[in-house]
């Protein structure tokens, strides 16, 4: 896995924070953290999209962010666990992993940073 895919995972990690922030932010500091998370998330995703196929980057970003948000809601915010939801999230993650596996990293020599 190259650094560009790591950027996609970092962007998805910050996506979880800003999505949760949009629901739970209620004062200046939580809104500030939410906005900072949005900026970091999209900046890192855009940087990865410059070297990797944009459609795949976005699909992986959204899939991982969705799975992370659902898991966070269950673990930290008391959302009830439902087997159907867990199975659908696993199906989503299988699709995301499949996209990553079949996508060629068309990074030209000297472009890797």
PDB file of N, CA and C in Angstrom:
ATOM      1  N   UNK A   1       0.864  -1.180   0.000  1.00  0.00           N
ATOM      2  CA  UNK A   1       0.000   0.000   0.000  1.00  0.00           C
ATOM      3  C   UNK A   1       0.904   1.235   0.000  1.00  0.00           C
ATOM      4  N   UNK A   2       0.626   2.146  -0.910  1.00  0.00           N
ATOM      5  CA  UNK A   2       1.461   3.342  -0.970  1.00  0.00           C
ATOM      6  C   UNK A   2       0.867   4.473  -0.128  1.00  0.00           C
ATOM      7  N   UNK A   3       1.598   5.552  -0.066  1.00  0.00           N
ATOM      8  CA  UNK A   3       1.185   6.673   0.793  1.00  0.00           C
ATOM      9  C   UNK A   3      -0.121   7.310   0.351  1.00  0.00           C
ATOM     10  N   UNK A   4      -0.448   7.201  -0.931  1.00  0.00           N
ATOM     11  CA  UNK A   4      -1.702   7.802  -1.390  1.00  0.00           C
ATOM     12  C   UNK A   4      -2.914   7.070  -0.817  1.00  0.00           C
ATOM     13  N   UNK A   5      -2.837   5.748  -0.692  1.00  0.00           N
ATOM     14  CA  UNK A   5      -3.944   5.017  -0.067  1.00  0.00           C
ATOM     15  C   UNK A   5      -4.001   5.305   1.427  1.00  0.00           C
ATOM     16  N   UNK A   6      -2.868   5.511   2.048  1.00  0.00           N
ATOM     17  CA  UNK A   6      -2.867   5.894   3.468  1.00  0.00           C
ATOM     18  C   UNK A   6      -3.573   7.237   3.637  1.00  0.00           C
ATOM     19  N   UNK A   7      -3.370   8.145   2.681  1.00  0.00           N
ATOM     20  CA  UNK A   7      -4.069   9.436   2.718  1.00  0.00           C
ATOM     21  C   UNK A   7      -5.589   9.249   2.677  1.00  0.00           C
ATOM     22  N   UNK A   8      -6.048   8.294   1.879  1.00  0.00           N
ATOM     23  CA  UNK A   8      -7.493   8.030   1.801  1.00  0.00           C
ATOM     24  C   UNK A   8      -8.001   7.548   3.158  1.00  0.00           C
ATOM     25  N   UNK A   9      -7.262   6.659   3.819  1.00  0.00           N
ATOM     26  CA  UNK A   9      -7.664   6.162   5.129  1.00  0.00           C
ATOM     27  C   UNK A   9      -7.656   7.282   6.177  1.00  0.00           C
ATOM     28  N   UNK A  10      -6.663   8.162   6.116  1.00  0.00           N
ATOM     29  CA  UNK A  10      -6.613   9.310   7.043  1.00  0.00           C
ATOM     30  C   UNK A  10      -7.800  10.234   6.789  1.00  0.00           C
ATOM     31  N   UNK A  11      -8.110  10.485   5.529  1.00  0.00           N
ATOM     32  CA  UNK A  11      -9.254  11.337   5.188  1.00  0.00           C
ATOM     33  C   UNK A  11     -10.554  10.735   5.721  1.00  0.00           C
ATOM     34  N   UNK A  12     -10.716   9.415   5.583  1.00  0.00           N
ATOM     35  CA  UNK A  12     -11.924   8.748   6.090  1.00  0.00           C
ATOM     36  C   UNK A  12     -11.981   8.817   7.614  1.00  0.00           C
ATOM     37  N   UNK A  13     -10.833   8.713   8.270  1.00  0.00           N
ATOM     38  CA  UNK A  13     -10.772   8.831   9.724  1.00  0.00           C
ATOM     39  C   UNK A  13     -11.304  10.195  10.172  1.00  0.00           C
ATOM     40  N   UNK A  14     -10.863  11.254   9.506  1.00  0.00           N
ATOM     41  CA  UNK A  14     -11.346  12.585   9.863  1.00  0.00           C
ATOM     42  C   UNK A  14     -12.799  12.792   9.443  1.00  0.00           C
ATOM     43  N   UNK A  15     -13.241  12.073   8.413  1.00  0.00           N
ATOM     44  CA  UNK A  15     -14.641  12.156   8.018  1.00  0.00           C
ATOM     45  C   UNK A  15     -15.551  11.703   9.152  1.00  0.00           C
ATOM     46  N   UNK A  16     -15.149  10.661   9.843  1.00  0.00           N
ATOM     47  CA  UNK A  16     -15.949  10.167  10.975  1.00  0.00           C
ATOM     48  C   UNK A  16     -16.130  11.285  12.008  1.00  0.00           C
ATOM     49  N   UNK A  17     -15.059  12.014  12.295  1.00  0.00           N
ATOM     50  CA  UNK A  17     -15.150  13.093  13.287  1.00  0.00           C
ATOM     51  C   UNK A  17     -16.091  14.207  12.838  1.00  0.00           C
ATOM     52  N   UNK A  18     -16.000  14.613  11.557  1.00  0.00           N
ATOM     53  CA  UNK A  18     -16.861  15.730  11.172  1.00  0.00           C
ATOM     54  C   UNK A  18     -18.311  15.317  11.021  1.00  0.00           C
ATOM     55  N   UNK A  19     -18.571  14.084  10.628  1.00  0.00           N
ATOM     56  CA  UNK A  19     -19.962  13.635  10.544  1.00  0.00           C
ATOM     57  C   UNK A  19     -20.577  13.581  11.945  1.00  0.00           C
ATOM     58  N   UNK A  20     -19.836  13.048  12.899  1.00  0.00           N
ATOM     59  CA  UNK A  20     -20.318  13.031  14.282  1.00  0.00           C
ATOM     60  C   UNK A  20     -20.479  14.459  14.794  1.00  0.00           C
ATOM     61  N   UNK A  21     -19.524  15.324  14.429  1.00  0.00           N
ATOM     62  CA  UNK A  21     -19.600  16.722  14.852  1.00  0.00           C
ATOM     63  C   UNK A  21     -20.836  17.427  14.320  1.00  0.00           C
ATOM     64  N   UNK A  22     -21.236  17.126  13.081  1.00  0.00           N
ATOM     65  CA  UNK A  22     -22.435  17.758  12.541  1.00  0.00           C
ATOM     66  C   UNK A  22     -23.674  17.408  13.354  1.00  0.00           C
ATOM     67  N   UNK A  23     -23.676  16.225  13.946  1.00  0.00           N
ATOM     68  CA  UNK A  23     -24.834  15.817  14.738  1.00  0.00           C
ATOM     69  C   UNK A  23     -24.745  16.305  16.181  1.00  0.00           C
ATOM     70  N   UNK A  24     -23.550  16.281  16.755  1.00  0.00           N
ATOM     71  CA  UNK A  24     -23.429  16.493  18.191  1.00  0.00           C
ATOM     72  C   UNK A  24     -22.796  17.829  18.603  1.00  0.00           C
ATOM     73  N   UNK A  25     -22.284  18.614  17.682  1.00  0.00           N
ATOM     74  CA  UNK A  25     -21.650  19.882  18.052  1.00  0.00           C
ATOM     75  C   UNK A  25     -22.694  20.851  18.592  1.00  0.00           C
ATOM     76  N   UNK A  26     -22.335  21.496  19.708  1.00  0.00           N
ATOM     77  CA  UNK A  26     -23.303  22.409  20.325  1.00  0.00           C
ATOM     78  C   UNK A  26     -22.665  23.659  20.925  1.00  0.00           C
ATOM     79  N   UNK A  27     -21.374  23.850  20.732  1.00  0.00           N
ATOM     80  CA  UNK A  27     -20.739  25.076  21.214  1.00  0.00           C
ATOM     81  C   UNK A  27     -19.606  25.462  20.256  1.00  0.00           C
ATOM     82  N   UNK A  28     -18.937  26.543  20.538  1.00  0.00           N
ATOM     83  CA  UNK A  28     -17.893  27.068  19.652  1.00  0.00           C
ATOM     84  C   UNK A  28     -16.787  26.047  19.404  1.00  0.00           C
ATOM     85  N   UNK A  29     -16.305  25.402  20.446  1.00  0.00           N
ATOM     86  CA  UNK A  29     -15.154  24.502  20.315  1.00  0.00           C
ATOM     87  C   UNK A  29     -15.499  23.228  19.553  1.00  0.00           C
ATOM     88  N   UNK A  30     -16.683  22.677  19.770  1.00  0.00           N
ATOM     89  CA  UNK A  30     -17.037  21.468  19.021  1.00  0.00           C
ATOM     90  C   UNK A  30     -17.306  21.795  17.552  1.00  0.00           C
ATOM     91  N   UNK A  31     -17.876  22.975  17.284  1.00  0.00           N
ATOM     92  CA  UNK A  31     -18.053  23.383  15.884  1.00  0.00           C
ATOM     93  C   UNK A  31     -16.705  23.678  15.232  1.00  0.00           C
ATOM     94  N   UNK A  32     -15.784  24.253  15.978  1.00  0.00           N
ATOM     95  CA  UNK A  32     -14.442  24.511  15.451  1.00  0.00           C
ATOM     96  C   UNK A  32     -13.753  23.200  15.094  1.00  0.00           C
ATOM     97  N   UNK A  33     -13.841  22.214  15.972  1.00  0.00           N
ATOM     98  CA  UNK A  33     -13.269  20.902  15.685  1.00  0.00           C
ATOM     99  C   UNK A  33     -13.914  20.252  14.474  1.00  0.00           C
ATOM    100  N   UNK A  34     -15.210  20.426  14.328  1.00  0.00           N
ATOM    101  CA  UNK A  34     -15.923  19.877  13.176  1.00  0.00           C
ATOM    102  C   UNK A  34     -15.429  20.513  11.881  1.00  0.00           C
ATOM    103  N   UNK A  35     -15.300  21.822  11.855  1.00  0.00           N
ATOM    104  CA  UNK A  35     -14.836  22.527  10.655  1.00  0.00           C
ATOM    105  C   UNK A  35     -13.394  22.133  10.332  1.00  0.00           C
ATOM    106  N   UNK A  36     -12.544  22.036  11.338  1.00  0.00           N
ATOM    107  CA  UNK A  36     -11.156  21.621  11.113  1.00  0.00           C
ATOM    108  C   UNK A  36     -11.116  20.208  10.543  1.00  0.00           C
ATOM    109  N   UNK A  37     -11.957  19.325  11.055  1.00  0.00           N
ATOM    110  CA  UNK A  37     -12.013  17.952  10.543  1.00  0.00           C
ATOM    111  C   UNK A  37     -12.471  17.912   9.089  1.00  0.00           C
ATOM    112  N   UNK A  38     -13.431  18.757   8.734  1.00  0.00           N
ATOM    113  CA  UNK A  38     -13.892  18.834   7.341  1.00  0.00           C
ATOM    114  C   UNK A  38     -12.739  19.268   6.435  1.00  0.00           C
ATOM    115  N   UNK A  39     -12.034  20.304   6.850  1.00  0.00           N
ATOM    116  CA  UNK A  39     -10.934  20.831   6.037  1.00  0.00           C
ATOM    117  C   UNK A  39      -9.843  19.774   5.855  1.00  0.00           C
ATOM    118  N   UNK A  40      -9.425  19.141   6.941  1.00  0.00           N
ATOM    119  CA  UNK A  40      -8.374  18.114   6.852  1.00  0.00           C
ATOM    120  C   UNK A  40      -8.847  16.951   5.993  1.00  0.00           C
ATOM    121  N   UNK A  41     -10.061  16.490   6.235  1.00  0.00           N
ATOM    122  CA  UNK A  41     -10.588  15.336   5.516  1.00  0.00           C
ATOM    123  C   UNK A  41     -10.594  15.566   4.013  1.00  0.00           C
ATOM    124  N   UNK A  42     -11.159  16.676   3.579  1.00  0.00           N
ATOM    125  CA  UNK A  42     -11.263  16.925   2.146  1.00  0.00           C
ATOM    126  C   UNK A  42      -9.915  17.271   1.521  1.00  0.00           C
ATOM    127  N   UNK A  43      -9.068  17.973   2.242  1.00  0.00           N
ATOM    128  CA  UNK A  43      -7.742  18.297   1.711  1.00  0.00           C
ATOM    129  C   UNK A  43      -6.944  17.018   1.446  1.00  0.00           C
ATOM    130  N   UNK A  44      -6.925  16.113   2.423  1.00  0.00           N
ATOM    131  CA  UNK A  44      -6.156  14.877   2.280  1.00  0.00           C
ATOM    132  C   UNK A  44      -6.768  13.997   1.174  1.00  0.00           C
ATOM    133  N   UNK A  45      -8.095  13.956   1.085  1.00  0.00           N
ATOM    134  CA  UNK A  45      -8.742  13.168   0.035  1.00  0.00           C
ATOM    135  C   UNK A  45      -8.404  13.740  -1.347  1.00  0.00           C
ATOM    136  N   UNK A  46      -8.418  15.048  -1.488  1.00  0.00           N
ATOM    137  CA  UNK A  46      -8.087  15.681  -2.762  1.00  0.00           C
ATOM    138  C   UNK A  46      -6.634  15.391  -3.144  1.00  0.00           C
ATOM    139  N   UNK A  47      -5.734  15.426  -2.166  1.00  0.00           N
ATOM    140  CA  UNK A  47      -4.329  15.119  -2.447  1.00  0.00           C
ATOM    141  C   UNK A  47      -4.176  13.677  -2.939  1.00  0.00           C
ATOM    142  N   UNK A  48      -4.903  12.747  -2.341  1.00  0.00           N
ATOM    143  CA  UNK A  48      -4.846  11.354  -2.791  1.00  0.00           C
ATOM    144  C   UNK A  48      -5.454  11.215  -4.184  1.00  0.00           C
ATOM    145  N   UNK A  49      -6.501  11.970  -4.459  1.00  0.00           N
ATOM    146  CA  UNK A  49      -7.171  11.905  -5.747  1.00  0.00           C
ATOM    147  C   UNK A  49      -6.340  12.442  -6.905  1.00  0.00           C
ATOM    148  N   UNK A  50      -5.291  13.163  -6.603  1.00  0.00           N
ATOM    149  CA  UNK A  50      -4.404  13.652  -7.662  1.00  0.00           C
ATOM    150  C   UNK A  50      -3.550  12.531  -8.243  1.00  0.00           C
ATOM    151  N   UNK A  51      -3.337  11.481  -7.479  1.00  0.00           N
ATOM    152  CA  UNK A  51      -2.470  10.385  -7.933  1.00  0.00           C
ATOM    153  C   UNK A  51      -3.232   9.088  -8.182  1.00  0.00           C
ATOM    154  N   UNK A  52      -4.409   8.935  -7.597  1.00  0.00           N
ATOM    155  CA  UNK A  52      -5.199   7.714  -7.719  1.00  0.00           C
ATOM    156  C   UNK A  52      -6.490   8.019  -8.475  1.00  0.00           C
ATOM    157  N   UNK A  53      -7.183   7.005  -8.988  1.00  0.00           N
ATOM    158  CA  UNK A  53      -8.462   7.239  -9.675  1.00  0.00           C
ATOM    159  C   UNK A  53      -9.490   7.871  -8.729  1.00  0.00           C
ATOM    160  N   UNK A  54     -10.017   9.000  -9.140  1.00  0.00           N
ATOM    161  CA  UNK A  54     -10.885   9.799  -8.271  1.00  0.00           C
ATOM    162  C   UNK A  54     -12.138   9.029  -7.838  1.00  0.00           C
ATOM    163  N   UNK A  55     -12.760   8.308  -8.750  1.00  0.00           N
ATOM    164  CA  UNK A  55     -13.975   7.567  -8.404  1.00  0.00           C
ATOM    165  C   UNK A  55     -13.725   6.523  -7.330  1.00  0.00           C
ATOM    166  N   UNK A  56     -12.621   5.826  -7.450  1.00  0.00           N
ATOM    167  CA  UNK A  56     -12.284   4.812  -6.455  1.00  0.00           C
ATOM    168  C   UNK A  56     -11.928   5.461  -5.127  1.00  0.00           C
ATOM    169  N   UNK A  57     -11.161   6.542  -5.182  1.00  0.00           N
ATOM    170  CA  UNK A  57     -10.806   7.255  -3.946  1.00  0.00           C
ATOM    171  C   UNK A  57     -12.065   7.696  -3.215  1.00  0.00           C
ATOM    172  N   UNK A  58     -13.002   8.274  -3.939  1.00  0.00           N
ATOM    173  CA  UNK A  58     -14.218   8.760  -3.296  1.00  0.00           C
ATOM    174  C   UNK A  58     -15.053   7.606  -2.742  1.00  0.00           C
ATOM    175  N   UNK A  59     -15.156   6.513  -3.484  1.00  0.00           N
ATOM    176  CA  UNK A  59     -15.929   5.358  -3.007  1.00  0.00           C
ATOM    177  C   UNK A  59     -15.314   4.776  -1.736  1.00  0.00           C
ATOM    178  N   UNK A  60     -13.998   4.643  -1.705  1.00  0.00           N
ATOM    179  CA  UNK A  60     -13.326   4.119  -0.517  1.00  0.00           C
ATOM    180  C   UNK A  60     -13.490   5.092   0.649  1.00  0.00           C
ATOM    181  N   UNK A  61     -13.318   6.372   0.388  1.00  0.00           N
ATOM    182  CA  UNK A  61     -13.472   7.417   1.407  1.00  0.00           C
ATOM    183  C   UNK A  61     -14.863   7.370   2.044  1.00  0.00           C
ATOM    184  N   UNK A  62     -15.882   7.342   1.209  1.00  0.00           N
ATOM    185  CA  UNK A  62     -17.258   7.334   1.720  1.00  0.00           C
ATOM    186  C   UNK A  62     -17.574   6.015   2.424  1.00  0.00           C
ATOM    187  N   UNK A  63     -17.135   4.901   1.857  1.00  0.00           N
ATOM    188  CA  UNK A  63     -17.408   3.596   2.474  1.00  0.00           C
ATOM    189  C   UNK A  63     -16.775   3.462   3.845  1.00  0.00           C
ATOM    190  N   UNK A  64     -15.497   3.826   3.947  1.00  0.00           N
ATOM    191  CA  UNK A  64     -14.830   3.743   5.252  1.00  0.00           C
ATOM    192  C   UNK A  64     -15.416   4.747   6.242  1.00  0.00           C
ATOM    193  N   UNK A  65     -15.744   5.936   5.755  1.00  0.00           N
ATOM    194  CA  UNK A  65     -16.347   6.943   6.631  1.00  0.00           C
ATOM    195  C   UNK A  65     -17.707   6.502   7.148  1.00  0.00           C
ATOM    196  N   UNK A  66     -18.499   5.888   6.284  1.00  0.00           N
ATOM    197  CA  UNK A  66     -19.815   5.393   6.695  1.00  0.00           C
ATOM    198  C   UNK A  66     -19.676   4.294   7.736  1.00  0.00           C
ATOM    199  N   UNK A  67     -18.808   3.336   7.461  1.00  0.00           N
ATOM    200  CA  UNK A  67     -18.602   2.239   8.416  1.00  0.00           C
ATOM    201  C   UNK A  67     -18.083   2.767   9.748  1.00  0.00           C
ATOM    202  N   UNK A  68     -17.129   3.691   9.701  1.00  0.00           N
ATOM    203  CA  UNK A  68     -16.584   4.266  10.932  1.00  0.00           C
ATOM    204  C   UNK A  68     -17.609   5.059  11.713  1.00  0.00           C
ATOM    205  N   UNK A  69     -18.457   5.788  11.013  1.00  0.00           N
ATOM    206  CA  UNK A  69     -19.490   6.577  11.688  1.00  0.00           C
ATOM    207  C   UNK A  69     -20.517   5.676  12.367  1.00  0.00           C
ATOM    208  N   UNK A  70     -20.965   4.649  11.671  1.00  0.00           N
ATOM    209  CA  UNK A  70     -21.939   3.714  12.259  1.00  0.00           C
ATOM    210  C   UNK A  70     -21.332   3.018  13.473  1.00  0.00           C
ATOM    211  N   UNK A  71     -20.094   2.559  13.349  1.00  0.00           N
ATOM    212  CA  UNK A  71     -19.434   1.892  14.469  1.00  0.00           C
ATOM    213  C   UNK A  71     -19.254   2.836  15.655  1.00  0.00           C
ATOM    214  N   UNK A  72     -18.881   4.072  15.387  1.00  0.00           N
ATOM    215  CA  UNK A  72     -18.723   5.068  16.457  1.00  0.00           C
ATOM    216  C   UNK A  72     -20.044   5.359  17.162  1.00  0.00           C
ATOM    217  N   UNK A  73     -21.109   5.469  16.388  1.00  0.00           N
ATOM    218  CA  UNK A  73     -22.423   5.716  16.989  1.00  0.00           C
ATOM    219  C   UNK A  73     -22.826   4.565  17.915  1.00  0.00           C
ATOM    220  N   UNK A  74     -22.515   3.334  17.517  1.00  0.00           N
ATOM    221  CA  UNK A  74     -22.851   2.174  18.344  1.00  0.00           C
ATOM    222  C   UNK A  74     -21.978   2.151  19.597  1.00  0.00           C
ATOM    223  N   UNK A  75     -20.661   2.362  19.433  1.00  0.00           N
ATOM    224  CA  UNK A  75     -19.731   2.237  20.555  1.00  0.00           C
ATOM    225  C   UNK A  75     -19.786   3.402  21.532  1.00  0.00           C
ATOM    226  N   UNK A  76     -19.974   4.621  21.030  1.00  0.00           N
ATOM    227  CA  UNK A  76     -19.832   5.798  21.883  1.00  0.00           C
ATOM    228  C   UNK A  76     -21.120   6.564  22.173  1.00  0.00           C
ATOM    229  N   UNK A  77     -22.165   6.354  21.373  1.00  0.00           N
ATOM    230  CA  UNK A  77     -23.355   7.174  21.525  1.00  0.00           C
ATOM    231  C   UNK A  77     -24.634   6.379  21.769  1.00  0.00           C
ATOM    232  N   UNK A  78     -24.504   5.101  22.074  1.00  0.00           N
ATOM    233  CA  UNK A  78     -25.657   4.310  22.483  1.00  0.00           C
ATOM    234  C   UNK A  78     -26.612   3.904  21.384  1.00  0.00           C
ATOM    235  N   UNK A  79     -26.205   3.995  20.139  1.00  0.00           N
ATOM    236  CA  UNK A  79     -27.047   3.524  19.040  1.00  0.00           C
ATOM    237  C   UNK A  79     -27.213   2.010  19.196  1.00  0.00           C
ATOM    238  N   UNK A  80     -28.431   1.493  19.077  1.00  0.00           N
ATOM    239  CA  UNK A  80     -28.609   0.045  19.252  1.00  0.00           C
ATOM    240  C   UNK A  80     -27.939  -0.752  18.136  1.00  0.00           C
ATOM    241  N   UNK A  81     -27.334  -1.873  18.521  1.00  0.00           N
ATOM    242  CA  UNK A  81     -26.695  -2.767  17.557  1.00  0.00           C
ATOM    243  C   UNK A  81     -27.766  -3.625  16.900  1.00  0.00           C
ATOM    244  N   UNK A  82     -27.739  -3.686  15.574  1.00  0.00           N
ATOM    245  CA  UNK A  82     -28.659  -4.540  14.829  1.00  0.00           C
ATOM    246  C   UNK A  82     -27.828  -5.398  13.882  1.00  0.00           C
ATOM    247  N   UNK A  83     -28.100  -6.695  13.891  1.00  0.00           N
ATOM    248  CA  UNK A  83     -27.346  -7.620  13.050  1.00  0.00           C
ATOM    249  C   UNK A  83     -27.465  -7.250  11.572  1.00  0.00           C
ATOM    250  N   UNK A  84     -28.636  -6.820  11.134  1.00  0.00           N
ATOM    251  CA  UNK A  84     -28.820  -6.448   9.737  1.00  0.00           C
ATOM    252  C   UNK A  84     -27.893  -5.300   9.350  1.00  0.00           C
ATOM    253  N   UNK A  85     -27.793  -4.321  10.237  1.00  0.00           N
ATOM    254  CA  UNK A  85     -26.939  -3.175   9.977  1.00  0.00           C
ATOM    255  C   UNK A  85     -25.472  -3.610   9.910  1.00  0.00           C
ATOM    256  N   UNK A  86     -25.062  -4.486  10.816  1.00  0.00           N
ATOM    257  CA  UNK A  86     -23.684  -4.971  10.829  1.00  0.00           C
ATOM    258  C   UNK A  86     -23.366  -5.737   9.546  1.00  0.00           C
ATOM    259  N   UNK A  87     -24.284  -6.566   9.089  1.00  0.00           N
ATOM    260  CA  UNK A  87     -24.059  -7.325   7.858  1.00  0.00           C
ATOM    261  C   UNK A  87     -23.961  -6.398   6.640  1.00  0.00           C
ATOM    262  N   UNK A  88     -24.800  -5.384   6.601  1.00  0.00           N
ATOM    263  CA  UNK A  88     -24.746  -4.440   5.481  1.00  0.00           C
ATOM    264  C   UNK A  88     -23.454  -3.622   5.498  1.00  0.00           C
ATOM    265  N   UNK A  89     -22.975  -3.257   6.679  1.00  0.00           N
ATOM    266  CA  UNK A  89     -21.699  -2.545   6.783  1.00  0.00           C
ATOM    267  C   UNK A  89     -20.561  -3.452   6.325  1.00  0.00           C
ATOM    268  N   UNK A  90     -20.599  -4.737   6.697  1.00  0.00           N
ATOM    269  CA  UNK A  90     -19.579  -5.680   6.229  1.00  0.00           C
ATOM    270  C   UNK A  90     -19.621  -5.828   4.709  1.00  0.00           C
ATOM    271  N   UNK A  91     -20.814  -5.840   4.138  1.00  0.00           N
ATOM    272  CA  UNK A  91     -20.951  -5.906   2.685  1.00  0.00           C
ATOM    273  C   UNK A  91     -20.359  -4.656   2.030  1.00  0.00           C
ATOM    274  N   UNK A  92     -20.628  -3.504   2.627  1.00  0.00           N
ATOM    275  CA  UNK A  92     -20.070  -2.248   2.138  1.00  0.00           C
ATOM    276  C   UNK A  92     -18.546  -2.280   2.196  1.00  0.00           C
ATOM    277  N   UNK A  93     -17.997  -2.728   3.311  1.00  0.00           N
ATOM    278  CA  UNK A  93     -16.543  -2.806   3.446  1.00  0.00           C
ATOM    279  C   UNK A  93     -15.940  -3.801   2.460  1.00  0.00           C
ATOM    280  N   UNK A  94     -16.632  -4.901   2.205  1.00  0.00           N
ATOM    281  CA  UNK A  94     -16.147  -5.868   1.209  1.00  0.00           C
ATOM    282  C   UNK A  94     -16.074  -5.211  -0.169  1.00  0.00           C
ATOM    283  N   UNK A  95     -17.063  -4.406  -0.507  1.00  0.00           N
ATOM    284  CA  UNK A  95     -17.036  -3.683  -1.774  1.00  0.00           C
ATOM    285  C   UNK A  95     -15.906  -2.677  -1.843  1.00  0.00           C
ATOM    286  N   UNK A  96     -15.669  -1.968  -0.744  1.00  0.00           N
ATOM    287  CA  UNK A  96     -14.589  -0.984  -0.692  1.00  0.00           C
ATOM    288  C   UNK A  96     -13.235  -1.679  -0.841  1.00  0.00           C
ATOM    289  N   UNK A  97     -13.047  -2.769  -0.121  1.00  0.00           N
ATOM    290  CA  UNK A  97     -11.790  -3.508  -0.222  1.00  0.00           C
ATOM    291  C   UNK A  97     -11.624  -4.066  -1.635  1.00  0.00           C
ATOM    292  N   UNK A  98     -12.707  -4.563  -2.210  1.00  0.00           N
ATOM    293  CA  UNK A  98     -12.654  -5.057  -3.585  1.00  0.00           C
ATOM    294  C   UNK A  98     -12.253  -3.974  -4.566  1.00  0.00           C
ATOM    295  N   UNK A  99     -12.813  -2.784  -4.419  1.00  0.00           N
ATOM    296  CA  UNK A  99     -12.429  -1.670  -5.292  1.00  0.00           C
ATOM    297  C   UNK A  99     -10.950  -1.346  -5.161  1.00  0.00           C
ATOM    298  N   UNK A 100     -10.462  -1.347  -3.942  1.00  0.00           N
ATOM    299  CA  UNK A 100      -9.053  -1.041  -3.708  1.00  0.00           C
ATOM    300  C   UNK A 100      -8.176  -2.114  -4.351  1.00  0.00           C
ATOM    301  N   UNK A 101      -8.572  -3.371  -4.257  1.00  0.00           N
ATOM    302  CA  UNK A 101      -7.759  -4.462  -4.790  1.00  0.00           C
ATOM    303  C   UNK A 101      -7.708  -4.477  -6.317  1.00  0.00           C
ATOM    304  N   UNK A 102      -8.782  -4.083  -6.975  1.00  0.00           N
ATOM    305  CA  UNK A 102      -8.803  -4.136  -8.433  1.00  0.00           C
ATOM    306  C   UNK A 102      -8.356  -2.837  -9.099  1.00  0.00           C
ATOM    307  N   UNK A 103      -8.071  -1.812  -8.309  1.00  0.00           N
ATOM    308  CA  UNK A 103      -7.642  -0.527  -8.855  1.00  0.00           C
ATOM    309  C   UNK A 103      -6.129  -0.495  -8.944  1.00  0.00           C
ATOM    310  N   UNK A 104      -5.635  -0.204 -10.139  1.00  0.00           N
ATOM    311  CA  UNK A 104      -4.188  -0.093 -10.331  1.00  0.00           C
ATOM    312  C   UNK A 104      -3.732   1.279  -9.862  1.00  0.00           C
ATOM    313  N   UNK A 105      -2.587   1.302  -9.189  1.00  0.00           N
ATOM    314  CA  UNK A 105      -1.975   2.561  -8.763  1.00  0.00           C
ATOM    315  C   UNK A 105      -1.146   3.088  -9.925  1.00  0.00           C
ATOM    316  N   UNK A 106      -1.714   3.994 -10.695  1.00  0.00           N
ATOM    317  CA  UNK A 106      -1.041   4.525 -11.881  1.00  0.00           C
ATOM    318  C   UNK A 106      -0.164   5.715 -11.536  1.00  0.00           C
ATOM    319  N   UNK A 107       0.683   5.557 -10.539  1.00  0.00           N
ATOM    320  CA  UNK A 107       1.601   6.624 -10.149  1.00  0.00           C
ATOM    321  C   UNK A 107       2.827   6.518 -11.023  1.00  0.00           C
ATOM    322  N   UNK A 108       3.184   7.627 -11.678  1.00  0.00           N
ATOM    323  CA  UNK A 108       4.345   7.614 -12.544  1.00  0.00           C
ATOM    324  C   UNK A 108       5.620   7.692 -11.718  1.00  0.00           C
ATOM    325  N   UNK A 109       6.696   7.177 -12.283  1.00  0.00           N
ATOM    326  CA  UNK A 109       7.973   7.188 -11.602  1.00  0.00           C
ATOM    327  C   UNK A 109       8.369   8.630 -11.302  1.00  0.00           C
ATOM    328  N   UNK A 110       8.754   8.878 -10.072  1.00  0.00           N
ATOM    329  CA  UNK A 110       9.134  10.219  -9.651  1.00  0.00           C
ATOM    330  C   UNK A 110       7.986  11.024  -9.090  1.00  0.00           C
ATOM    331  N   UNK A 111       6.734  10.551  -9.250  1.00  0.00           N
ATOM    332  CA  UNK A 111       5.562  11.262  -8.732  1.00  0.00           C
ATOM    333  C   UNK A 111       5.285  10.928  -7.280  1.00  0.00           C
ATOM    334  N   UNK A 112       5.719   9.773  -6.804  1.00  0.00           N
ATOM    335  CA  UNK A 112       5.416   9.328  -5.443  1.00  0.00           C
ATOM    336  C   UNK A 112       6.055  10.275  -4.440  1.00  0.00           C
ATOM    337  N   UNK A 113       5.266  10.728  -3.496  1.00  0.00           N
ATOM    338  CA  UNK A 113       5.802  11.612  -2.462  1.00  0.00           C
ATOM    339  C   UNK A 113       5.447  11.132  -1.090  1.00  0.00           C
TER     340      UNK A 113
END
